[in-house]
Amino acid sequence: MAQINTRESTYKGIDHENHHGMTMTGRIIRDAWVFGLLPEGDGFADKNSGELQLLIESVHAAWEPFGQLPSRLPADLAERHQRIHAEAINRAKRMGWDPELGDDD
């Protein structure tokens, strides 16, 4: 899930993740951007596992009124969600990410 440096117990940031941020942690960070919990583009670098857990809980709480479904977001959040995640997918593909599951996924 998260790319935590166990020696220092810090997250290296969405821009330094395997799969170019196409991980569960990357999705949480992008959703935090959608809901304004983090400034858009803040990669959450150098945060510890406790801070990551708090972000996960905050994002989960932000999704609750919408049943965790993007289709239930109000128009402004739905547009922001679509834009942020589409940009991330396009960037990852340009950098060589393959959305197909591998044998070890």
N, C-alpha and C. Protein backbone atom coordinates (compact mmCIF):
# COMPACT_ATOMS: atom_id res chain seq x y z
N MET A 1 0.84 -1.19 0.00
CA MET A 1 0.00 0.00 0.00
C MET A 1 0.88 1.24 0.00
N ALA A 2 1.25 1.76 1.14
CA ALA A 2 2.04 2.98 1.21
C ALA A 2 3.51 2.67 1.03
N GLN A 3 4.19 3.59 0.42
CA GLN A 3 5.63 3.48 0.24
C GLN A 3 6.28 4.17 1.43
N ILE A 4 6.35 3.48 2.56
CA ILE A 4 6.92 4.03 3.78
C ILE A 4 8.37 3.57 3.88
N ASN A 5 9.27 4.50 4.12
CA ASN A 5 10.67 4.19 4.37
C ASN A 5 10.76 3.69 5.80
N THR A 6 10.98 2.39 5.98
CA THR A 6 10.95 1.82 7.32
C THR A 6 12.09 2.30 8.19
N ARG A 7 13.21 2.67 7.59
CA ARG A 7 14.34 3.19 8.37
C ARG A 7 13.95 4.49 9.05
N GLU A 8 13.29 5.36 8.32
CA GLU A 8 12.92 6.67 8.86
C GLU A 8 11.42 6.77 9.13
N SER A 9 10.65 5.77 8.75
CA SER A 9 9.20 5.74 8.93
C SER A 9 8.51 6.95 8.34
N THR A 10 8.95 7.35 7.14
CA THR A 10 8.28 8.45 6.46
C THR A 10 7.88 8.02 5.06
N TYR A 11 6.83 8.63 4.58
CA TYR A 11 6.32 8.37 3.24
C TYR A 11 7.13 9.22 2.27
N LYS A 12 7.56 8.65 1.17
CA LYS A 12 8.44 9.37 0.26
C LYS A 12 7.70 10.33 -0.68
N GLY A 13 6.40 10.27 -0.72
CA GLY A 13 5.61 11.21 -1.53
C GLY A 13 5.03 10.55 -2.77
N ILE A 14 3.89 11.04 -3.18
CA ILE A 14 3.15 10.46 -4.30
C ILE A 14 3.98 10.46 -5.59
N ASP A 15 4.82 11.47 -5.77
CA ASP A 15 5.63 11.55 -6.99
C ASP A 15 6.78 10.56 -7.01
N HIS A 16 7.04 9.91 -5.90
CA HIS A 16 8.15 8.97 -5.81
C HIS A 16 7.68 7.54 -5.57
N GLU A 17 6.39 7.32 -5.70
CA GLU A 17 5.83 5.98 -5.49
C GLU A 17 6.09 5.08 -6.69
N ASN A 18 6.08 3.78 -6.41
CA ASN A 18 6.04 2.81 -7.49
C ASN A 18 4.74 3.03 -8.25
N HIS A 19 4.72 2.71 -9.49
CA HIS A 19 3.51 2.82 -10.32
C HIS A 19 3.04 4.27 -10.46
N HIS A 20 3.96 5.23 -10.23
CA HIS A 20 3.68 6.65 -10.47
C HIS A 20 2.44 7.14 -9.72
N GLY A 21 2.27 6.69 -8.50
CA GLY A 21 1.16 7.14 -7.67
C GLY A 21 -0.13 6.39 -7.88
N MET A 22 -0.12 5.34 -8.67
CA MET A 22 -1.32 4.55 -8.92
C MET A 22 -1.40 3.43 -7.88
N THR A 23 -1.48 3.85 -6.63
CA THR A 23 -1.57 2.94 -5.49
C THR A 23 -2.74 3.39 -4.61
N MET A 24 -3.05 2.60 -3.62
CA MET A 24 -4.11 3.00 -2.68
C MET A 24 -3.73 4.30 -1.98
N THR A 25 -2.47 4.44 -1.60
CA THR A 25 -2.04 5.67 -0.94
C THR A 25 -2.16 6.85 -1.88
N GLY A 26 -1.77 6.65 -3.14
CA GLY A 26 -1.90 7.71 -4.13
C GLY A 26 -3.35 8.14 -4.31
N ARG A 27 -4.25 7.16 -4.32
CA ARG A 27 -5.68 7.48 -4.45
C ARG A 27 -6.16 8.29 -3.25
N ILE A 28 -5.72 7.91 -2.06
CA ILE A 28 -6.11 8.64 -0.85
C ILE A 28 -5.64 10.09 -0.93
N ILE A 29 -4.40 10.28 -1.36
CA ILE A 29 -3.86 11.64 -1.48
C ILE A 29 -4.64 12.44 -2.51
N ARG A 30 -4.91 11.85 -3.66
CA ARG A 30 -5.69 12.57 -4.67
C ARG A 30 -7.09 12.89 -4.16
N ASP A 31 -7.71 11.96 -3.44
CA ASP A 31 -9.03 12.24 -2.87
C ASP A 31 -8.95 13.35 -1.82
N ALA A 32 -7.85 13.42 -1.09
CA ALA A 32 -7.65 14.52 -0.14
C ALA A 32 -7.60 15.85 -0.88
N TRP A 33 -7.03 15.86 -2.09
CA TRP A 33 -7.04 17.08 -2.92
C TRP A 33 -8.47 17.42 -3.32
N VAL A 34 -9.22 16.41 -3.73
CA VAL A 34 -10.61 16.62 -4.16
C VAL A 34 -11.41 17.31 -3.06
N PHE A 35 -11.27 16.83 -1.83
CA PHE A 35 -12.06 17.34 -0.72
C PHE A 35 -11.41 18.54 -0.02
N GLY A 36 -10.27 19.00 -0.51
CA GLY A 36 -9.62 20.16 0.09
C GLY A 36 -8.94 19.86 1.40
N LEU A 37 -8.66 18.59 1.67
CA LEU A 37 -7.97 18.22 2.90
C LEU A 37 -6.46 18.45 2.79
N LEU A 38 -5.97 18.46 1.58
CA LEU A 38 -4.58 18.81 1.25
C LEU A 38 -4.63 19.77 0.07
N PRO A 39 -3.68 20.69 -0.01
CA PRO A 39 -3.62 21.53 -1.21
C PRO A 39 -3.33 20.65 -2.42
N GLU A 40 -3.98 20.94 -3.53
CA GLU A 40 -3.76 20.15 -4.73
C GLU A 40 -2.28 20.19 -5.11
N GLY A 41 -1.72 19.03 -5.34
CA GLY A 41 -0.31 18.92 -5.68
C GLY A 41 0.57 18.57 -4.50
N ASP A 42 0.06 18.71 -3.28
CA ASP A 42 0.84 18.33 -2.10
C ASP A 42 0.98 16.81 -2.11
N GLY A 43 2.19 16.32 -2.29
CA GLY A 43 2.44 14.89 -2.42
C GLY A 43 2.57 14.15 -1.11
N PHE A 44 2.43 14.85 0.02
CA PHE A 44 2.45 14.24 1.34
C PHE A 44 3.82 13.65 1.68
N ALA A 45 4.87 14.17 1.06
CA ALA A 45 6.22 13.67 1.29
C ALA A 45 6.68 13.94 2.72
N ASP A 46 7.47 13.01 3.22
CA ASP A 46 8.11 13.09 4.53
C ASP A 46 7.13 13.05 5.70
N LYS A 47 5.93 12.54 5.45
CA LYS A 47 4.96 12.36 6.53
C LYS A 47 5.14 10.97 7.12
N ASN A 48 4.84 10.85 8.39
CA ASN A 48 5.01 9.54 9.04
C ASN A 48 3.72 8.71 8.95
N SER A 49 3.81 7.48 9.38
CA SER A 49 2.67 6.57 9.26
C SER A 49 1.46 7.04 10.06
N GLY A 50 1.68 7.70 11.18
CA GLY A 50 0.56 8.24 11.95
C GLY A 50 -0.17 9.34 11.19
N GLU A 51 0.58 10.21 10.53
CA GLU A 51 -0.02 11.27 9.73
C GLU A 51 -0.77 10.67 8.54
N LEU A 52 -0.21 9.63 7.95
CA LEU A 52 -0.89 8.96 6.84
C LEU A 52 -2.19 8.32 7.32
N GLN A 53 -2.18 7.70 8.48
CA GLN A 53 -3.40 7.09 9.02
C GLN A 53 -4.48 8.15 9.26
N LEU A 54 -4.08 9.30 9.79
CA LEU A 54 -5.05 10.39 10.01
C LEU A 54 -5.63 10.89 8.69
N LEU A 55 -4.79 10.96 7.65
CA LEU A 55 -5.29 11.39 6.34
C LEU A 55 -6.27 10.37 5.79
N ILE A 56 -5.94 9.09 5.91
CA ILE A 56 -6.86 8.03 5.45
C ILE A 56 -8.21 8.16 6.14
N GLU A 57 -8.20 8.37 7.45
CA GLU A 57 -9.45 8.50 8.22
C GLU A 57 -10.23 9.75 7.80
N SER A 58 -9.52 10.84 7.55
CA SER A 58 -10.18 12.08 7.13
C SER A 58 -10.82 11.93 5.75
N VAL A 59 -10.11 11.28 4.84
CA VAL A 59 -10.66 11.07 3.49
C VAL A 59 -11.88 10.15 3.57
N HIS A 60 -11.78 9.10 4.37
CA HIS A 60 -12.91 8.19 4.53
C HIS A 60 -14.13 8.96 5.06
N ALA A 61 -13.93 9.80 6.05
CA ALA A 61 -15.03 10.59 6.61
C ALA A 61 -15.61 11.55 5.58
N ALA A 62 -14.75 12.14 4.74
CA ALA A 62 -15.23 13.06 3.70
C ALA A 62 -16.09 12.34 2.67
N TRP A 63 -15.78 11.08 2.41
CA TRP A 63 -16.55 10.30 1.43
C TRP A 63 -17.89 9.81 1.99
N GLU A 64 -18.00 9.65 3.30
CA GLU A 64 -19.20 9.04 3.90
C GLU A 64 -20.52 9.64 3.43
N PRO A 65 -20.68 10.96 3.36
CA PRO A 65 -21.99 11.49 2.93
C PRO A 65 -22.36 11.10 1.49
N PHE A 66 -21.37 10.65 0.74
CA PHE A 66 -21.59 10.31 -0.66
C PHE A 66 -21.53 8.81 -0.90
N GLY A 67 -21.56 8.03 0.18
CA GLY A 67 -21.55 6.58 0.06
C GLY A 67 -20.30 6.04 -0.61
N GLN A 68 -19.21 6.79 -0.52
CA GLN A 68 -17.93 6.39 -1.12
C GLN A 68 -18.01 6.29 -2.65
N LEU A 69 -19.01 6.92 -3.27
CA LEU A 69 -19.23 6.80 -4.72
C LEU A 69 -19.05 8.15 -5.42
N PRO A 70 -18.13 8.22 -6.38
CA PRO A 70 -17.96 9.46 -7.13
C PRO A 70 -19.25 9.92 -7.82
N SER A 71 -20.10 9.00 -8.22
CA SER A 71 -21.35 9.37 -8.90
C SER A 71 -22.31 10.14 -7.99
N ARG A 72 -22.09 10.11 -6.69
CA ARG A 72 -22.96 10.83 -5.75
C ARG A 72 -22.39 12.19 -5.34
N LEU A 73 -21.21 12.54 -5.84
CA LEU A 73 -20.61 13.82 -5.50
C LEU A 73 -21.40 14.96 -6.14
N PRO A 74 -21.46 16.13 -5.49
CA PRO A 74 -22.07 17.29 -6.13
C PRO A 74 -21.22 17.68 -7.35
N ALA A 75 -21.80 18.42 -8.26
CA ALA A 75 -21.16 18.71 -9.55
C ALA A 75 -19.75 19.26 -9.42
N ASP A 76 -19.52 20.20 -8.50
CA ASP A 76 -18.19 20.79 -8.39
C ASP A 76 -17.15 19.77 -7.94
N LEU A 77 -17.51 18.94 -6.97
CA LEU A 77 -16.57 17.91 -6.51
C LEU A 77 -16.42 16.80 -7.54
N ALA A 78 -17.50 16.47 -8.23
CA ALA A 78 -17.42 15.43 -9.27
C ALA A 78 -16.47 15.85 -10.38
N GLU A 79 -16.56 17.11 -10.79
CA GLU A 79 -15.66 17.61 -11.84
C GLU A 79 -14.22 17.59 -11.35
N ARG A 80 -14.02 18.03 -10.15
CA ARG A 80 -12.65 18.06 -9.58
C ARG A 80 -12.10 16.64 -9.46
N HIS A 81 -12.91 15.71 -8.98
CA HIS A 81 -12.51 14.31 -8.86
C HIS A 81 -12.12 13.75 -10.22
N GLN A 82 -12.96 13.98 -11.21
CA GLN A 82 -12.70 13.45 -12.55
C GLN A 82 -11.40 14.03 -13.10
N ARG A 83 -11.21 15.33 -12.96
CA ARG A 83 -10.02 15.99 -13.49
C ARG A 83 -8.75 15.51 -12.80
N ILE A 84 -8.76 15.48 -11.49
CA ILE A 84 -7.56 15.08 -10.73
C ILE A 84 -7.17 13.64 -11.05
N HIS A 85 -8.14 12.75 -11.04
CA HIS A 85 -7.82 11.34 -11.28
C HIS A 85 -7.46 11.08 -12.74
N ALA A 86 -8.12 11.75 -13.68
CA ALA A 86 -7.77 11.59 -15.10
C ALA A 86 -6.36 12.09 -15.37
N GLU A 87 -6.00 13.24 -14.79
CA GLU A 87 -4.63 13.75 -14.97
C GLU A 87 -3.61 12.77 -14.41
N ALA A 88 -3.91 12.17 -13.26
CA ALA A 88 -2.98 11.21 -12.64
C ALA A 88 -2.83 9.97 -13.51
N ILE A 89 -3.92 9.47 -14.04
CA ILE A 89 -3.87 8.28 -14.89
C ILE A 89 -3.09 8.58 -16.16
N ASN A 90 -3.37 9.71 -16.79
CA ASN A 90 -2.65 10.07 -18.01
C ASN A 90 -1.16 10.24 -17.75
N ARG A 91 -0.80 10.88 -16.66
CA ARG A 91 0.62 11.07 -16.31
C ARG A 91 1.29 9.73 -16.09
N ALA A 92 0.65 8.86 -15.34
CA ALA A 92 1.23 7.55 -15.06
C ALA A 92 1.41 6.73 -16.33
N LYS A 93 0.44 6.80 -17.22
CA LYS A 93 0.57 6.08 -18.50
C LYS A 93 1.73 6.62 -19.31
N ARG A 94 1.88 7.96 -19.34
CA ARG A 94 3.02 8.56 -20.07
C ARG A 94 4.35 8.10 -19.49
N MET A 95 4.37 7.81 -18.19
CA MET A 95 5.60 7.40 -17.52
C MET A 95 5.79 5.88 -17.53
N GLY A 96 4.91 5.18 -18.23
CA GLY A 96 5.10 3.74 -18.40
C GLY A 96 4.22 2.85 -17.55
N TRP A 97 3.32 3.43 -16.78
CA TRP A 97 2.45 2.60 -15.96
C TRP A 97 1.48 1.84 -16.85
N ASP A 98 1.30 0.57 -16.56
CA ASP A 98 0.36 -0.28 -17.28
C ASP A 98 -0.78 -0.63 -16.33
N PRO A 99 -2.00 -0.23 -16.65
CA PRO A 99 -3.12 -0.46 -15.74
C PRO A 99 -3.54 -1.93 -15.64
N GLU A 100 -3.04 -2.79 -16.51
CA GLU A 100 -3.38 -4.21 -16.44
C GLU A 100 -2.71 -4.84 -15.23
N LEU A 101 -3.43 -5.71 -14.54
CA LEU A 101 -2.86 -6.41 -13.39
C LEU A 101 -1.81 -7.41 -13.84
N GLY A 102 -0.72 -7.45 -13.11
CA GLY A 102 0.31 -8.44 -13.36
C GLY A 102 0.06 -9.71 -12.57
N ASP A 103 0.92 -10.67 -12.73
CA ASP A 103 0.77 -11.94 -12.02
C ASP A 103 0.87 -11.80 -10.52
N ASP A 104 1.60 -10.78 -10.04
CA ASP A 104 1.80 -10.62 -8.60
C ASP A 104 0.86 -9.60 -7.99
N ASP A 105 -0.14 -9.09 -8.74
CA ASP A 105 -1.08 -8.10 -8.23
C ASP A 105 -2.33 -8.73 -7.70
